[in-house]
Amino acid sequence: NYADSMKGRFTISRDNAKNTVNLLMSVLQPDD
């Protein structure tokens, strides 16, 4: 689930084996 302003720019993922969650942020703007 993504906030509207992040859709298409941010990607969340998780790796349960490593107990990690990541956020790839692209096309970043000053408002971010």
PDB file of all heavy atoms in Angstrom:
ATOM      1  N   ASN A   1       0.849  -1.168   0.000  1.00  0.00           N
ATOM      2  CA  ASN A   1       0.000   0.000   0.000  1.00  0.00           C
ATOM      3  C   ASN A   1       0.894   1.230   0.000  1.00  0.00           C
ATOM      4  O   ASN A   1       1.868   1.290   0.749  1.00  0.00           O
ATOM      5  CB  ASN A   1      -0.923   0.008   1.216  1.00  0.00           C
ATOM      6  CG  ASN A   1      -1.884   1.179   1.214  1.00  0.00           C
ATOM      7  OD1 ASN A   1      -2.629   1.383   0.258  1.00  0.00           O
ATOM      8  ND2 ASN A   1      -1.877   1.965   2.285  1.00  0.00           N
ATOM      9  N   TYR A   2       0.558   2.200  -0.844  1.00  0.00           N
ATOM     10  CA  TYR A   2       1.347   3.413  -0.971  1.00  0.00           C
ATOM     11  C   TYR A   2       0.472   4.641  -0.837  1.00  0.00           C
ATOM     12  O   TYR A   2      -0.678   4.648  -1.285  1.00  0.00           O
ATOM     13  CB  TYR A   2       2.052   3.480  -2.329  1.00  0.00           C
ATOM     14  CG  TYR A   2       3.049   2.390  -2.579  1.00  0.00           C
ATOM     15  CD1 TYR A   2       2.677   1.197  -3.192  1.00  0.00           C
ATOM     16  CD2 TYR A   2       4.379   2.550  -2.213  1.00  0.00           C
ATOM     17  CE1 TYR A   2       3.599   0.194  -3.429  1.00  0.00           C
ATOM     18  CE2 TYR A   2       5.313   1.555  -2.449  1.00  0.00           C
ATOM     19  CZ  TYR A   2       4.915   0.381  -3.055  1.00  0.00           C
ATOM     20  OH  TYR A   2       5.841  -0.611  -3.288  1.00  0.00           O
ATOM     21  N   ALA A   3       1.040   5.659  -0.246  1.00  0.00           N
ATOM     22  CA  ALA A   3       0.391   6.954  -0.293  1.00  0.00           C
ATOM     23  C   ALA A   3       0.367   7.449  -1.735  1.00  0.00           C
ATOM     24  O   ALA A   3       1.254   7.128  -2.529  1.00  0.00           O
ATOM     25  CB  ALA A   3       1.116   7.956   0.599  1.00  0.00           C
ATOM     26  N   ASP A   4      -0.648   8.226  -2.072  1.00  0.00           N
ATOM     27  CA  ASP A   4      -0.832   8.642  -3.458  1.00  0.00           C
ATOM     28  C   ASP A   4       0.394   9.351  -4.030  1.00  0.00           C
ATOM     29  O   ASP A   4       0.760   9.131  -5.187  1.00  0.00           O
ATOM     30  CB  ASP A   4      -2.055   9.550  -3.576  1.00  0.00           C
ATOM     31  CG  ASP A   4      -3.362   8.810  -3.422  1.00  0.00           C
ATOM     32  OD1 ASP A   4      -3.364   7.566  -3.553  1.00  0.00           O
ATOM     33  OD2 ASP A   4      -4.391   9.463  -3.181  1.00  0.00           O
ATOM     34  N   SER A   5       1.019  10.196  -3.243  1.00  0.00           N
ATOM     35  CA  SER A   5       2.148  10.960  -3.747  1.00  0.00           C
ATOM     36  C   SER A   5       3.401  10.117  -3.972  1.00  0.00           C
ATOM     37  O   SER A   5       4.336  10.574  -4.629  1.00  0.00           O
ATOM     38  CB  SER A   5       2.472  12.118  -2.798  1.00  0.00           C
ATOM     39  OG  SER A   5       2.863  11.646  -1.524  1.00  0.00           O
ATOM     40  N   MET A   6       3.427   8.916  -3.445  1.00  0.00           N
ATOM     41  CA  MET A   6       4.570   8.038  -3.592  1.00  0.00           C
ATOM     42  C   MET A   6       4.380   6.970  -4.662  1.00  0.00           C
ATOM     43  O   MET A   6       5.356   6.336  -5.067  1.00  0.00           O
ATOM     44  CB  MET A   6       4.899   7.338  -2.266  1.00  0.00           C
ATOM     45  CG  MET A   6       5.448   8.256  -1.195  1.00  0.00           C
ATOM     46  SD  MET A   6       4.106   9.217  -0.427  1.00  0.00           S
ATOM     47  CE  MET A   6       4.925   9.878   1.016  1.00  0.00           C
ATOM     48  N   LYS A   7       3.165   6.765  -5.097  1.00  0.00           N
ATOM     49  CA  LYS A   7       2.888   5.731  -6.080  1.00  0.00           C
ATOM     50  C   LYS A   7       3.672   5.993  -7.360  1.00  0.00           C
ATOM     51  O   LYS A   7       3.686   7.095  -7.887  1.00  0.00           O
ATOM     52  CB  LYS A   7       1.393   5.662  -6.388  1.00  0.00           C
ATOM     53  CG  LYS A   7       0.551   5.110  -5.258  1.00  0.00           C
ATOM     54  CD  LYS A   7      -0.928   5.065  -5.632  1.00  0.00           C
ATOM     55  CE  LYS A   7      -1.769   4.510  -4.505  1.00  0.00           C
ATOM     56  NZ  LYS A   7      -3.215   4.507  -4.836  1.00  0.00           N
ATOM     57  N   GLY A   8       4.340   4.957  -7.826  1.00  0.00           N
ATOM     58  CA  GLY A   8       5.118   5.068  -9.038  1.00  0.00           C
ATOM     59  C   GLY A   8       6.535   5.540  -8.821  1.00  0.00           C
ATOM     60  O   GLY A   8       7.360   5.443  -9.741  1.00  0.00           O
ATOM     61  N   ARG A   9       6.846   6.052  -7.642  1.00  0.00           N
ATOM     62  CA  ARG A   9       8.185   6.536  -7.340  1.00  0.00           C
ATOM     63  C   ARG A   9       8.882   5.703  -6.272  1.00  0.00           C
ATOM     64  O   ARG A   9      10.096   5.524  -6.333  1.00  0.00           O
ATOM     65  CB  ARG A   9       8.153   7.992  -6.872  1.00  0.00           C
ATOM     66  CG  ARG A   9       7.625   8.973  -7.908  1.00  0.00           C
ATOM     67  CD  ARG A   9       7.890  10.415  -7.477  1.00  0.00           C
ATOM     68  NE  ARG A   9       7.241  10.737  -6.205  1.00  0.00           N
ATOM     69  CZ  ARG A   9       7.877  11.173  -5.124  1.00  0.00           C
ATOM     70  NH1 ARG A   9       9.195  11.360  -5.150  1.00  0.00           N
ATOM     71  NH2 ARG A   9       7.206  11.459  -4.014  1.00  0.00           N
ATOM     72  N   PHE A  10       8.123   5.235  -5.298  1.00  0.00           N
ATOM     73  CA  PHE A  10       8.690   4.483  -4.185  1.00  0.00           C
ATOM     74  C   PHE A  10       8.281   3.024  -4.278  1.00  0.00           C
ATOM     75  O   PHE A  10       7.164   2.703  -4.706  1.00  0.00           O
ATOM     76  CB  PHE A  10       8.202   5.038  -2.846  1.00  0.00           C
ATOM     77  CG  PHE A  10       8.712   6.419  -2.508  1.00  0.00           C
ATOM     78  CD1 PHE A  10       9.449   7.169  -3.410  1.00  0.00           C
ATOM     79  CD2 PHE A  10       8.445   6.964  -1.260  1.00  0.00           C
ATOM     80  CE1 PHE A  10       9.910   8.436  -3.094  1.00  0.00           C
ATOM     81  CE2 PHE A  10       8.901   8.230  -0.923  1.00  0.00           C
ATOM     82  CZ  PHE A  10       9.632   8.966  -1.839  1.00  0.00           C
ATOM     83  N   THR A  11       9.172   2.149  -3.852  1.00  0.00           N
ATOM     84  CA  THR A  11       8.900   0.720  -3.840  1.00  0.00           C
ATOM     85  C   THR A  11       9.322   0.137  -2.500  1.00  0.00           C
ATOM     86  O   THR A  11      10.468   0.304  -2.082  1.00  0.00           O
ATOM     87  CB  THR A  11       9.640  -0.006  -4.970  1.00  0.00           C
ATOM     88  OG1 THR A  11       9.262   0.543  -6.235  1.00  0.00           O
ATOM     89  CG2 THR A  11       9.298  -1.492  -4.952  1.00  0.00           C
ATOM     90  N   ILE A  12       8.401  -0.540  -1.850  1.00  0.00           N
ATOM     91  CA  ILE A  12       8.698  -1.194  -0.584  1.00  0.00           C
ATOM     92  C   ILE A  12       8.837  -2.690  -0.823  1.00  0.00           C
ATOM     93  O   ILE A  12       8.139  -3.269  -1.655  1.00  0.00           O
ATOM     94  CB  ILE A  12       7.609  -0.900   0.468  1.00  0.00           C
ATOM     95  CG1 ILE A  12       8.025  -1.408   1.851  1.00  0.00           C
ATOM     96  CG2 ILE A  12       6.264  -1.486   0.056  1.00  0.00           C
ATOM     97  CD1 ILE A  12       7.098  -0.953   2.975  1.00  0.00           C
ATOM     98  N   SER A  13       9.749  -3.308  -0.096  1.00  0.00           N
ATOM     99  CA  SER A  13       9.950  -4.742  -0.190  1.00  0.00           C
ATOM    100  C   SER A  13      10.391  -5.276   1.163  1.00  0.00           C
ATOM    101  O   SER A  13      10.832  -4.513   2.031  1.00  0.00           O
ATOM    102  CB  SER A  13      10.985  -5.087  -1.270  1.00  0.00           C
ATOM    103  OG  SER A  13      12.247  -4.519  -0.961  1.00  0.00           O
ATOM    104  N   ARG A  14      10.255  -6.574   1.341  1.00  0.00           N
ATOM    105  CA  ARG A  14      10.702  -7.180   2.592  1.00  0.00           C
ATOM    106  C   ARG A  14      11.353  -8.516   2.313  1.00  0.00           C
ATOM    107  O   ARG A  14      11.046  -9.194   1.329  1.00  0.00           O
ATOM    108  CB  ARG A  14       9.540  -7.336   3.580  1.00  0.00           C
ATOM    109  CG  ARG A  14       8.489  -8.359   3.175  1.00  0.00           C
ATOM    110  CD  ARG A  14       7.280  -8.305   4.105  1.00  0.00           C
ATOM    111  NE  ARG A  14       7.599  -8.732   5.463  1.00  0.00           N
ATOM    112  CZ  ARG A  14       6.827  -8.512   6.523  1.00  0.00           C
ATOM    113  NH1 ARG A  14       5.686  -7.834   6.369  1.00  0.00           N
ATOM    114  NH2 ARG A  14       7.178  -8.952   7.722  1.00  0.00           N
ATOM    115  N   ASP A  15      12.255  -8.884   3.203  1.00  0.00           N
ATOM    116  CA  ASP A  15      12.929 -10.161   3.141  1.00  0.00           C
ATOM    117  C   ASP A  15      12.784 -10.793   4.518  1.00  0.00           C
ATOM    118  O   ASP A  15      13.505 -10.438   5.449  1.00  0.00           O
ATOM    119  CB  ASP A  15      14.400  -9.995   2.759  1.00  0.00           C
ATOM    120  CG  ASP A  15      15.103 -11.317   2.531  1.00  0.00           C
ATOM    121  OD1 ASP A  15      14.636 -12.352   3.033  1.00  0.00           O
ATOM    122  OD2 ASP A  15      16.140 -11.317   1.837  1.00  0.00           O
ATOM    123  N   ASN A  16      11.849 -11.702   4.641  1.00  0.00           N
ATOM    124  CA  ASN A  16      11.577 -12.300   5.945  1.00  0.00           C
ATOM    125  C   ASN A  16      12.742 -13.142   6.456  1.00  0.00           C
ATOM    126  O   ASN A  16      12.929 -13.274   7.663  1.00  0.00           O
ATOM    127  CB  ASN A  16      10.307 -13.142   5.875  1.00  0.00           C
ATOM    128  CG  ASN A  16       9.055 -12.301   5.735  1.00  0.00           C
ATOM    129  OD1 ASN A  16       9.022 -11.139   6.130  1.00  0.00           O
ATOM    130  ND2 ASN A  16       8.013 -12.894   5.165  1.00  0.00           N
ATOM    131  N   ALA A  17      13.513 -13.712   5.550  1.00  0.00           N
ATOM    132  CA  ALA A  17      14.660 -14.502   5.959  1.00  0.00           C
ATOM    133  C   ALA A  17      15.729 -13.645   6.616  1.00  0.00           C
ATOM    134  O   ALA A  17      16.468 -14.118   7.485  1.00  0.00           O
ATOM    135  CB  ALA A  17      15.244 -15.253   4.768  1.00  0.00           C
ATOM    136  N   LYS A  18      15.835 -12.388   6.205  1.00  0.00           N
ATOM    137  CA  LYS A  18      16.827 -11.473   6.753  1.00  0.00           C
ATOM    138  C   LYS A  18      16.243 -10.481   7.744  1.00  0.00           C
ATOM    139  O   LYS A  18      16.967  -9.638   8.276  1.00  0.00           O
ATOM    140  CB  LYS A  18      17.520 -10.711   5.628  1.00  0.00           C
ATOM    141  CG  LYS A  18      18.319 -11.588   4.682  1.00  0.00           C
ATOM    142  CD  LYS A  18      19.007 -10.756   3.610  1.00  0.00           C
ATOM    143  CE  LYS A  18      19.843 -11.621   2.690  1.00  0.00           C
ATOM    144  NZ  LYS A  18      20.516 -10.816   1.633  1.00  0.00           N
ATOM    145  N   ASN A  19      14.948 -10.572   7.989  1.00  0.00           N
ATOM    146  CA  ASN A  19      14.266  -9.649   8.899  1.00  0.00           C
ATOM    147  C   ASN A  19      14.487  -8.192   8.497  1.00  0.00           C
ATOM    148  O   ASN A  19      14.808  -7.334   9.329  1.00  0.00           O
ATOM    149  CB  ASN A  19      14.721  -9.862  10.339  1.00  0.00           C
ATOM    150  CG  ASN A  19      14.175 -11.139  10.942  1.00  0.00           C
ATOM    151  OD1 ASN A  19      13.487 -11.918  10.295  1.00  0.00           O
ATOM    152  ND2 ASN A  19      14.487 -11.363  12.219  1.00  0.00           N
ATOM    153  N   THR A  20      14.328  -7.921   7.219  1.00  0.00           N
ATOM    154  CA  THR A  20      14.546  -6.570   6.728  1.00  0.00           C
ATOM    155  C   THR A  20      13.375  -6.101   5.878  1.00  0.00           C
ATOM    156  O   THR A  20      12.660  -6.900   5.268  1.00  0.00           O
ATOM    157  CB  THR A  20      15.821  -6.464   5.883  1.00  0.00           C
ATOM    158  OG1 THR A  20      15.723  -7.344   4.754  1.00  0.00           O
ATOM    159  CG2 THR A  20      17.047  -6.827   6.702  1.00  0.00           C
ATOM    160  N   VAL A  21      13.201  -4.799   5.861  1.00  0.00           N
ATOM    161  CA  VAL A  21      12.271  -4.162   4.959  1.00  0.00           C
ATOM    162  C   VAL A  21      12.988  -2.979   4.336  1.00  0.00           C
ATOM    163  O   VAL A  21      13.725  -2.261   5.022  1.00  0.00           O
ATOM    164  CB  VAL A  21      10.969  -3.733   5.676  1.00  0.00           C
ATOM    165  CG1 VAL A  21      11.267  -2.748   6.808  1.00  0.00           C
ATOM    166  CG2 VAL A  21       9.980  -3.138   4.687  1.00  0.00           C
ATOM    167  N   ASN A  22      12.800  -2.800   3.044  1.00  0.00           N
ATOM    168  CA  ASN A  22      13.513  -1.769   2.312  1.00  0.00           C
ATOM    169  C   ASN A  22      12.540  -0.825   1.632  1.00  0.00           C
ATOM    170  O   ASN A  22      11.401  -1.172   1.351  1.00  0.00           O
ATOM    171  CB  ASN A  22      14.426  -2.398   1.264  1.00  0.00           C
ATOM    172  CG  ASN A  22      15.458  -3.320   1.859  1.00  0.00           C
ATOM    173  OD1 ASN A  22      16.205  -2.939   2.752  1.00  0.00           O
ATOM    174  ND2 ASN A  22      15.504  -4.557   1.365  1.00  0.00           N
ATOM    175  N   LEU A  23      13.033   0.357   1.366  1.00  0.00           N
ATOM    176  CA  LEU A  23      12.265   1.344   0.628  1.00  0.00           C
ATOM    177  C   LEU A  23      13.168   1.960  -0.421  1.00  0.00           C
ATOM    178  O   LEU A  23      14.138   2.643  -0.074  1.00  0.00           O
ATOM    179  CB  LEU A  23      11.713   2.430   1.554  1.00  0.00           C
ATOM    180  CG  LEU A  23      10.847   3.495   0.880  1.00  0.00           C
ATOM    181  CD1 LEU A  23       9.510   2.890   0.443  1.00  0.00           C
ATOM    182  CD2 LEU A  23      10.617   4.679   1.817  1.00  0.00           C
ATOM    183  N   LEU A  24      12.860   1.705  -1.677  1.00  0.00           N
ATOM    184  CA  LEU A  24      13.579   2.323  -2.769  1.00  0.00           C
ATOM    185  C   LEU A  24      12.824   3.575  -3.184  1.00  0.00           C
ATOM    186  O   LEU A  24      11.669   3.495  -3.587  1.00  0.00           O
ATOM    187  CB  LEU A  24      13.711   1.362  -3.951  1.00  0.00           C
ATOM    188  CG  LEU A  24      14.358   1.927  -5.218  1.00  0.00           C
ATOM    189  CD1 LEU A  24      15.767   2.402  -4.937  1.00  0.00           C
ATOM    190  CD2 LEU A  24      14.337   0.892  -6.334  1.00  0.00           C
ATOM    191  N   MET A  25      13.478   4.703  -3.077  1.00  0.00           N
ATOM    192  CA  MET A  25      12.878   5.982  -3.389  1.00  0.00           C
ATOM    193  C   MET A  25      13.534   6.543  -4.641  1.00  0.00           C
ATOM    194  O   MET A  25      14.755   6.697  -4.690  1.00  0.00           O
ATOM    195  CB  MET A  25      13.040   6.964  -2.224  1.00  0.00           C
ATOM    196  CG  MET A  25      12.492   6.443  -0.900  1.00  0.00           C
ATOM    197  SD  MET A  25      12.618   7.673   0.434  1.00  0.00           S
ATOM    198  CE  MET A  25      14.406   7.774   0.584  1.00  0.00           C
ATOM    199  N   SER A  26      12.717   6.849  -5.626  1.00  0.00           N
ATOM    200  CA  SER A  26      13.212   7.365  -6.892  1.00  0.00           C
ATOM    201  C   SER A  26      12.525   8.687  -7.222  1.00  0.00           C
ATOM    202  O   SER A  26      11.464   9.002  -6.687  1.00  0.00           O
ATOM    203  CB  SER A  26      12.971   6.360  -8.017  1.00  0.00           C
ATOM    204  OG  SER A  26      13.622   5.130  -7.765  1.00  0.00           O
ATOM    205  N   VAL A  27      13.129   9.413  -8.125  1.00  0.00           N
ATOM    206  CA  VAL A  27      12.623  10.710  -8.558  1.00  0.00           C
ATOM    207  C   VAL A  27      12.288  11.560  -7.333  1.00  0.00           C
ATOM    208  O   VAL A  27      11.192  12.112  -7.205  1.00  0.00           O
ATOM    209  CB  VAL A  27      11.403  10.563  -9.487  1.00  0.00           C
ATOM    210  CG1 VAL A  27      11.166  11.873 -10.258  1.00  0.00           C
ATOM    211  CG2 VAL A  27      11.593   9.423 -10.475  1.00  0.00           C
ATOM    212  N   LEU A  28      13.233  11.667  -6.446  1.00  0.00           N
ATOM    213  CA  LEU A  28      13.017  12.397  -5.207  1.00  0.00           C
ATOM    214  C   LEU A  28      12.869  13.889  -5.459  1.00  0.00           C
ATOM    215  O   LEU A  28      13.521  14.454  -6.340  1.00  0.00           O
ATOM    216  CB  LEU A  28      14.165  12.144  -4.241  1.00  0.00           C
ATOM    217  CG  LEU A  28      14.150  10.763  -3.583  1.00  0.00           C
ATOM    218  CD1 LEU A  28      15.507  10.447  -2.973  1.00  0.00           C
ATOM    219  CD2 LEU A  28      13.056  10.691  -2.525  1.00  0.00           C
ATOM    220  N   GLN A  29      12.017  14.498  -4.686  1.00  0.00           N
ATOM    221  CA  GLN A  29      11.737  15.919  -4.772  1.00  0.00           C
ATOM    222  C   GLN A  29      11.979  16.568  -3.417  1.00  0.00           C
ATOM    223  O   GLN A  29      11.978  15.894  -2.386  1.00  0.00           O
ATOM    224  CB  GLN A  29      10.292  16.156  -5.217  1.00  0.00           C
ATOM    225  CG  GLN A  29       9.947  15.536  -6.559  1.00  0.00           C
ATOM    226  CD  GLN A  29      10.770  16.118  -7.692  1.00  0.00           C
ATOM    227  OE1 GLN A  29      10.967  17.328  -7.776  1.00  0.00           O
ATOM    228  NE2 GLN A  29      11.259  15.258  -8.575  1.00  0.00           N
ATOM    229  N   PRO A  30      12.187  17.886  -3.390  1.00  0.00           N
ATOM    230  CA  PRO A  30      12.397  18.557  -2.106  1.00  0.00           C
ATOM    231  C   PRO A  30      11.286  18.292  -1.093  1.00  0.00           C
ATOM    232  O   PRO A  30      11.556  18.246   0.108  1.00  0.00           O
ATOM    233  CB  PRO A  30      12.468  20.037  -2.495  1.00  0.00           C
ATOM    234  CG  PRO A  30      13.033  20.019  -3.878  1.00  0.00           C
ATOM    235  CD  PRO A  30      12.429  18.804  -4.531  1.00  0.00           C
ATOM    236  N   ASP A  31      10.059  18.114  -1.560  1.00  0.00           N
ATOM    237  CA  ASP A  31       8.958  17.828  -0.649  1.00  0.00           C
ATOM    238  C   ASP A  31       9.084  16.468   0.027  1.00  0.00           C
ATOM    239  O   ASP A  31       8.360  16.184   0.983  1.00  0.00           O
ATOM    240  CB  ASP A  31       7.617  17.899  -1.384  1.00  0.00           C
ATOM    241  CG  ASP A  31       7.166  19.321  -1.673  1.00  0.00           C
ATOM    242  OD1 ASP A  31       7.757  20.263  -1.109  1.00  0.00           O
ATOM    243  OD2 ASP A  31       6.216  19.498  -2.459  1.00  0.00           O
ATOM    244  N   ASP A  32       9.974  15.627  -0.467  1.00  0.00           N
ATOM    245  CA  ASP A  32      10.215  14.338   0.168  1.00  0.00           C
ATOM    246  C   ASP A  32      11.142  14.449   1.370  1.00  0.00           C
ATOM    247  O   ASP A  32      11.358  13.461   2.075  1.00  0.00           O
ATOM    248  CB  ASP A  32      10.807  13.343  -0.834  1.00  0.00           C
ATOM    249  CG  ASP A  32       9.848  13.007  -1.957  1.00  0.00           C
ATOM    250  OD1 ASP A  32       8.651  12.801  -1.682  1.00  0.00           O
ATOM    251  OD2 ASP A  32      10.296  12.942  -3.126  1.00  0.00           O
TER     252      ASP A  32
END
